[in-house]
């Protein structure tokens, strides 16, 4: 019985960890025109490396992944 409870608990934890909901980043930009591009970048060494990009619409942008 004790092993069954541990197995059930481990399965529940594993299922919770595998639930990949992704991410959503939303923002606003003042002074930017519709159609301008916003970049999400990471720093690698001394360089910025673009990871994703999106287009501004009505002063807002959204990254989804």
PDB file of N, CA and C in Angstrom:
ATOM      1  N   UNK A   1       0.821  -1.190   0.000  1.00  0.00           N
ATOM      2  CA  UNK A   1       0.000   0.000   0.000  1.00  0.00           C
ATOM      3  C   UNK A   1       0.868   1.258   0.000  1.00  0.00           C
ATOM      4  N   UNK A   2       1.919   1.224   0.793  1.00  0.00           N
ATOM      5  CA  UNK A   2       2.803   2.376   0.892  1.00  0.00           C
ATOM      6  C   UNK A   2       3.492   2.658  -0.450  1.00  0.00           C
ATOM      7  N   UNK A   3       3.884   1.581  -1.155  1.00  0.00           N
ATOM      8  CA  UNK A   3       4.522   1.750  -2.459  1.00  0.00           C
ATOM      9  C   UNK A   3       3.560   2.358  -3.469  1.00  0.00           C
ATOM     10  N   UNK A   4       2.296   1.993  -3.381  1.00  0.00           N
ATOM     11  CA  UNK A   4       1.289   2.536  -4.298  1.00  0.00           C
ATOM     12  C   UNK A   4       1.126   4.036  -4.098  1.00  0.00           C
ATOM     13  N   UNK A   5       1.149   4.464  -2.851  1.00  0.00           N
ATOM     14  CA  UNK A   5       1.015   5.895  -2.554  1.00  0.00           C
ATOM     15  C   UNK A   5       2.223   6.660  -3.091  1.00  0.00           C
ATOM     16  N   UNK A   6       3.430   6.119  -2.880  1.00  0.00           N
ATOM     17  CA  UNK A   6       4.633   6.779  -3.410  1.00  0.00           C
ATOM     18  C   UNK A   6       4.606   6.823  -4.935  1.00  0.00           C
ATOM     19  N   UNK A   7       4.173   5.746  -5.555  1.00  0.00           N
ATOM     20  CA  UNK A   7       4.094   5.700  -7.012  1.00  0.00           C
ATOM     21  C   UNK A   7       3.080   6.714  -7.528  1.00  0.00           C
ATOM     22  N   UNK A   8       1.942   6.801  -6.877  1.00  0.00           N
ATOM     23  CA  UNK A   8       0.921   7.763  -7.266  1.00  0.00           C
ATOM     24  C   UNK A   8       1.426   9.200  -7.094  1.00  0.00           C
ATOM     25  N   UNK A   9       2.107   9.465  -5.982  1.00  0.00           N
ATOM     26  CA  UNK A   9       2.650  10.805  -5.742  1.00  0.00           C
ATOM     27  C   UNK A   9       3.712  11.158  -6.780  1.00  0.00           C
ATOM     28  N   UNK A  10       4.584  10.206  -7.104  1.00  0.00           N
ATOM     29  CA  UNK A  10       5.618  10.457  -8.110  1.00  0.00           C
ATOM     30  C   UNK A  10       4.992  10.704  -9.476  1.00  0.00           C
ATOM     31  N   UNK A  11       3.957   9.945  -9.812  1.00  0.00           N
ATOM     32  CA  UNK A  11       3.280  10.140 -11.095  1.00  0.00           C
ATOM     33  C   UNK A  11       2.617  11.508 -11.163  1.00  0.00           C
ATOM     34  N   UNK A  12       2.024  11.955 -10.065  1.00  0.00           N
ATOM     35  CA  UNK A  12       1.384  13.270 -10.026  1.00  0.00           C
ATOM     36  C   UNK A  12       2.403  14.385 -10.186  1.00  0.00           C
ATOM     37  N   UNK A  13       3.539  14.254  -9.522  1.00  0.00           N
ATOM     38  CA  UNK A  13       4.598  15.269  -9.643  1.00  0.00           C
ATOM     39  C   UNK A  13       5.145  15.293 -11.055  1.00  0.00           C
ATOM     40  N   UNK A  14       5.374  14.126 -11.633  1.00  0.00           N
ATOM     41  CA  UNK A  14       5.881  14.047 -12.996  1.00  0.00           C
ATOM     42  C   UNK A  14       4.893  14.667 -13.984  1.00  0.00           C
ATOM     43  N   UNK A  15       3.612  14.401 -13.811  1.00  0.00           N
ATOM     44  CA  UNK A  15       2.595  14.967 -14.700  1.00  0.00           C
ATOM     45  C   UNK A  15       2.543  16.487 -14.568  1.00  0.00           C
ATOM     46  N   UNK A  16       2.680  16.995 -13.357  1.00  0.00           N
ATOM     47  CA  UNK A  16       2.653  18.442 -13.142  1.00  0.00           C
ATOM     48  C   UNK A  16       3.869  19.112 -13.765  1.00  0.00           C
ATOM     49  N   UNK A  17       5.014  18.460 -13.716  1.00  0.00           N
ATOM     50  CA  UNK A  17       6.230  19.037 -14.277  1.00  0.00           C
ATOM     51  C   UNK A  17       6.227  19.008 -15.801  1.00  0.00           C
ATOM     52  N   UNK A  18       5.556  18.060 -16.389  1.00  0.00           N
ATOM     53  CA  UNK A  18       5.526  17.950 -17.846  1.00  0.00           C
ATOM     54  C   UNK A  18       4.506  18.860 -18.494  1.00  0.00           C
ATOM     55  N   UNK A  19       3.679  19.514 -17.719  1.00  0.00           N
ATOM     56  CA  UNK A  19       2.669  20.391 -18.283  1.00  0.00           C
ATOM     57  C   UNK A  19       3.337  21.692 -18.713  1.00  0.00           C
ATOM     58  N   UNK A  20       3.654  21.809 -19.992  1.00  0.00           N
ATOM     59  CA  UNK A  20       4.353  22.965 -20.532  1.00  0.00           C
ATOM     60  C   UNK A  20       3.334  23.972 -21.039  1.00  0.00           C
ATOM     61  N   UNK A  21       3.157  25.037 -20.290  1.00  0.00           N
ATOM     62  CA  UNK A  21       2.180  26.049 -20.660  1.00  0.00           C
ATOM     63  C   UNK A  21       2.789  27.156 -21.504  1.00  0.00           C
ATOM     64  N   UNK A  22       4.104  27.180 -21.642  1.00  0.00           N
ATOM     65  CA  UNK A  22       4.741  28.202 -22.443  1.00  0.00           C
ATOM     66  C   UNK A  22       4.786  29.542 -21.732  1.00  0.00           C
ATOM     67  N   UNK A  23       4.889  30.605 -22.526  1.00  0.00           N
ATOM     68  CA  UNK A  23       4.955  31.947 -21.948  1.00  0.00           C
ATOM     69  C   UNK A  23       4.246  32.931 -22.855  1.00  0.00           C
ATOM     70  N   UNK A  24       3.835  34.047 -22.288  1.00  0.00           N
ATOM     71  CA  UNK A  24       3.269  35.172 -23.028  1.00  0.00           C
ATOM     72  C   UNK A  24       3.850  36.430 -22.415  1.00  0.00           C
ATOM     73  N   UNK A  25       4.487  37.253 -23.234  1.00  0.00           N
ATOM     74  CA  UNK A  25       5.023  38.544 -22.799  1.00  0.00           C
ATOM     75  C   UNK A  25       4.321  39.616 -23.617  1.00  0.00           C
ATOM     76  N   UNK A  26       3.631  40.533 -22.934  1.00  0.00           N
ATOM     77  CA  UNK A  26       2.898  41.601 -23.600  1.00  0.00           C
ATOM     78  C   UNK A  26       3.422  42.936 -23.105  1.00  0.00           C
ATOM     79  N   UNK A  27       3.514  43.904 -24.012  1.00  0.00           N
ATOM     80  CA  UNK A  27       3.993  45.229 -23.628  1.00  0.00           C
ATOM     81  C   UNK A  27       3.432  46.310 -24.516  1.00  0.00           C
ATOM     82  N   UNK A  28       3.675  47.541 -24.124  1.00  0.00           N
ATOM     83  CA  UNK A  28       3.262  48.699 -24.913  1.00  0.00           C
ATOM     84  C   UNK A  28       4.481  49.545 -25.233  1.00  0.00           C
ATOM     85  N   UNK A  29       4.402  50.246 -26.352  1.00  0.00           N
ATOM     86  CA  UNK A  29       5.509  51.092 -26.790  1.00  0.00           C
ATOM     87  C   UNK A  29       4.941  52.440 -27.196  1.00  0.00           C
ATOM     88  N   UNK A  30       5.465  53.503 -26.602  1.00  0.00           N
ATOM     89  CA  UNK A  30       5.041  54.842 -26.980  1.00  0.00           C
ATOM     90  C   UNK A  30       5.951  55.363 -28.083  1.00  0.00           C
ATOM     91  N   UNK A  31       5.378  55.999 -29.068  1.00  0.00           N
ATOM     92  CA  UNK A  31       6.153  56.629 -30.128  1.00  0.00           C
ATOM     93  C   UNK A  31       6.568  55.690 -31.244  1.00  0.00           C
ATOM     94  N   UNK A  32       6.169  54.440 -31.194  1.00  0.00           N
ATOM     95  CA  UNK A  32       6.503  53.485 -32.257  1.00  0.00           C
ATOM     96  C   UNK A  32       5.321  53.394 -33.227  1.00  0.00           C
ATOM     97  N   UNK A  33       5.633  53.177 -34.484  1.00  0.00           N
ATOM     98  CA  UNK A  33       4.593  53.070 -35.508  1.00  0.00           C
ATOM     99  C   UNK A  33       4.126  51.630 -35.645  1.00  0.00           C
ATOM    100  N   UNK A  34       2.871  51.469 -36.040  1.00  0.00           N
ATOM    101  CA  UNK A  34       2.385  50.129 -36.343  1.00  0.00           C
ATOM    102  C   UNK A  34       3.239  49.535 -37.448  1.00  0.00           C
ATOM    103  N   UNK A  35       3.588  48.275 -37.298  1.00  0.00           N
ATOM    104  CA  UNK A  35       4.429  47.605 -38.281  1.00  0.00           C
ATOM    105  C   UNK A  35       5.896  47.575 -37.899  1.00  0.00           C
ATOM    106  N   UNK A  36       6.294  48.382 -36.885  1.00  0.00           N
ATOM    107  CA  UNK A  36       7.674  48.309 -36.398  1.00  0.00           C
ATOM    108  C   UNK A  36       7.892  46.962 -35.721  1.00  0.00           C
ATOM    109  N   UNK A  37       9.140  46.517 -35.675  1.00  0.00           N
ATOM    110  CA  UNK A  37       9.467  45.215 -35.109  1.00  0.00           C
ATOM    111  C   UNK A  37      10.125  45.374 -33.746  1.00  0.00           C
ATOM    112  N   UNK A  38       9.719  44.522 -32.800  1.00  0.00           N
ATOM    113  CA  UNK A  38      10.305  44.454 -31.466  1.00  0.00           C
ATOM    114  C   UNK A  38      11.028  43.119 -31.372  1.00  0.00           C
ATOM    115  N   UNK A  39      12.230  43.125 -30.784  1.00  0.00           N
ATOM    116  CA  UNK A  39      13.031  41.904 -30.667  1.00  0.00           C
ATOM    117  C   UNK A  39      13.209  41.506 -29.208  1.00  0.00           C
ATOM    118  N   UNK A  40      13.160  40.202 -28.952  1.00  0.00           N
ATOM    119  CA  UNK A  40      13.535  39.645 -27.660  1.00  0.00           C
ATOM    120  C   UNK A  40      14.936  39.082 -27.848  1.00  0.00           C
ATOM    121  N   UNK A  41      15.883  39.549 -27.037  1.00  0.00           N
ATOM    122  CA  UNK A  41      17.275  39.157 -27.222  1.00  0.00           C
ATOM    123  C   UNK A  41      17.868  38.606 -25.937  1.00  0.00           C
ATOM    124  N   UNK A  42      18.888  37.778 -26.107  1.00  0.00           N
ATOM    125  CA  UNK A  42      19.636  37.225 -24.978  1.00  0.00           C
ATOM    126  C   UNK A  42      21.081  37.678 -25.097  1.00  0.00           C
ATOM    127  N   UNK A  43      21.729  37.842 -23.960  1.00  0.00           N
ATOM    128  CA  UNK A  43      23.128  38.233 -23.951  1.00  0.00           C
ATOM    129  C   UNK A  43      23.983  36.969 -23.952  1.00  0.00           C
ATOM    130  N   UNK A  44      24.831  36.846 -24.951  1.00  0.00           N
ATOM    131  CA  UNK A  44      25.782  35.734 -25.031  1.00  0.00           C
ATOM    132  C   UNK A  44      27.177  36.335 -25.158  1.00  0.00           C
ATOM    133  N   UNK A  45      27.917  36.238 -24.077  1.00  0.00           N
ATOM    134  CA  UNK A  45      29.230  36.882 -24.054  1.00  0.00           C
ATOM    135  C   UNK A  45      29.042  38.384 -24.052  1.00  0.00           C
ATOM    136  N   UNK A  46      29.535  39.047 -25.081  1.00  0.00           N
ATOM    137  CA  UNK A  46      29.378  40.499 -25.212  1.00  0.00           C
ATOM    138  C   UNK A  46      28.417  40.868 -26.337  1.00  0.00           C
ATOM    139  N   UNK A  47      27.667  39.873 -26.802  1.00  0.00           N
ATOM    140  CA  UNK A  47      26.758  40.117 -27.936  1.00  0.00           C
ATOM    141  C   UNK A  47      25.306  39.911 -27.517  1.00  0.00           C
ATOM    142  N   UNK A  48      24.411  40.624 -28.208  1.00  0.00           N
ATOM    143  CA  UNK A  48      22.979  40.378 -28.087  1.00  0.00           C
ATOM    144  C   UNK A  48      22.574  39.465 -29.235  1.00  0.00           C
ATOM    145  N   UNK A  49      21.895  38.387 -28.920  1.00  0.00           N
ATOM    146  CA  UNK A  49      21.447  37.435 -29.929  1.00  0.00           C
ATOM    147  C   UNK A  49      19.925  37.456 -29.935  1.00  0.00           C
ATOM    148  N   UNK A  50      19.333  37.788 -31.098  1.00  0.00           N
ATOM    149  CA  UNK A  50      17.885  37.834 -31.202  1.00  0.00           C
ATOM    150  C   UNK A  50      17.298  36.435 -31.048  1.00  0.00           C
ATOM    151  N   UNK A  51      16.348  36.310 -30.128  1.00  0.00           N
ATOM    152  CA  UNK A  51      15.697  35.032 -29.869  1.00  0.00           C
ATOM    153  C   UNK A  51      14.331  34.952 -30.547  1.00  0.00           C
ATOM    154  N   UNK A  52      13.649  36.088 -30.642  1.00  0.00           N
ATOM    155  CA  UNK A  52      12.306  36.134 -31.212  1.00  0.00           C
ATOM    156  C   UNK A  52      12.016  37.562 -31.632  1.00  0.00           C
ATOM    157  N   UNK A  53      11.029  37.731 -32.487  1.00  0.00           N
ATOM    158  CA  UNK A  53      10.605  39.071 -32.898  1.00  0.00           C
ATOM    159  C   UNK A  53       9.101  39.079 -33.095  1.00  0.00           C
ATOM    160  N   UNK A  54       8.514  40.265 -32.979  1.00  0.00           N
ATOM    161  CA  UNK A  54       7.087  40.434 -33.215  1.00  0.00           C
ATOM    162  C   UNK A  54       6.845  41.843 -33.730  1.00  0.00           C
ATOM    163  N   UNK A  55       5.683  42.066 -34.273  1.00  0.00           N
ATOM    164  CA  UNK A  55       5.341  43.351 -34.892  1.00  0.00           C
ATOM    165  C   UNK A  55       4.414  44.127 -33.968  1.00  0.00           C
ATOM    166  N   UNK A  56       4.628  45.438 -33.891  1.00  0.00           N
ATOM    167  CA  UNK A  56       3.796  46.311 -33.063  1.00  0.00           C
ATOM    168  C   UNK A  56       2.486  46.586 -33.792  1.00  0.00           C
ATOM    169  N   UNK A  57       1.382  46.431 -33.057  1.00  0.00           N
ATOM    170  CA  UNK A  57       0.058  46.750 -33.590  1.00  0.00           C
ATOM    171  C   UNK A  57      -0.702  47.550 -32.546  1.00  0.00           C
ATOM    172  N   UNK A  58      -1.158  48.724 -32.916  1.00  0.00           N
ATOM    173  CA  UNK A  58      -1.891  49.612 -32.006  1.00  0.00           C
ATOM    174  C   UNK A  58      -1.098  49.933 -30.737  1.00  0.00           C
ATOM    175  N   UNK A  59       0.216  50.066 -30.866  1.00  0.00           N
ATOM    176  CA  UNK A  59       1.071  50.431 -29.748  1.00  0.00           C
ATOM    177  C   UNK A  59       1.402  49.297 -28.797  1.00  0.00           C
ATOM    178  N   UNK A  60       0.982  48.058 -29.116  1.00  0.00           N
ATOM    179  CA  UNK A  60       1.262  46.921 -28.243  1.00  0.00           C
ATOM    180  C   UNK A  60       1.966  45.802 -29.007  1.00  0.00           C
ATOM    181  N   UNK A  61       2.634  44.950 -28.262  1.00  0.00           N
ATOM    182  CA  UNK A  61       3.278  43.769 -28.850  1.00  0.00           C
ATOM    183  C   UNK A  61       3.092  42.585 -27.921  1.00  0.00           C
ATOM    184  N   UNK A  62       3.167  41.378 -28.481  1.00  0.00           N
ATOM    185  CA  UNK A  62       3.028  40.147 -27.705  1.00  0.00           C
ATOM    186  C   UNK A  62       3.988  39.103 -28.231  1.00  0.00           C
ATOM    187  N   UNK A  63       4.761  38.522 -27.310  1.00  0.00           N
ATOM    188  CA  UNK A  63       5.593  37.364 -27.617  1.00  0.00           C
ATOM    189  C   UNK A  63       4.914  36.145 -27.009  1.00  0.00           C
ATOM    190  N   UNK A  64       4.829  35.058 -27.782  1.00  0.00           N
ATOM    191  CA  UNK A  64       4.254  33.809 -27.288  1.00  0.00           C
ATOM    192  C   UNK A  64       5.212  32.674 -27.615  1.00  0.00           C
ATOM    193  N   UNK A  65       5.330  31.770 -26.710  1.00  0.00           N
ATOM    194  CA  UNK A  65       6.192  30.622 -26.975  1.00  0.00           C
ATOM    195  C   UNK A  65       5.902  29.468 -26.073  1.00  0.00           C
TER     196      UNK A  65
END
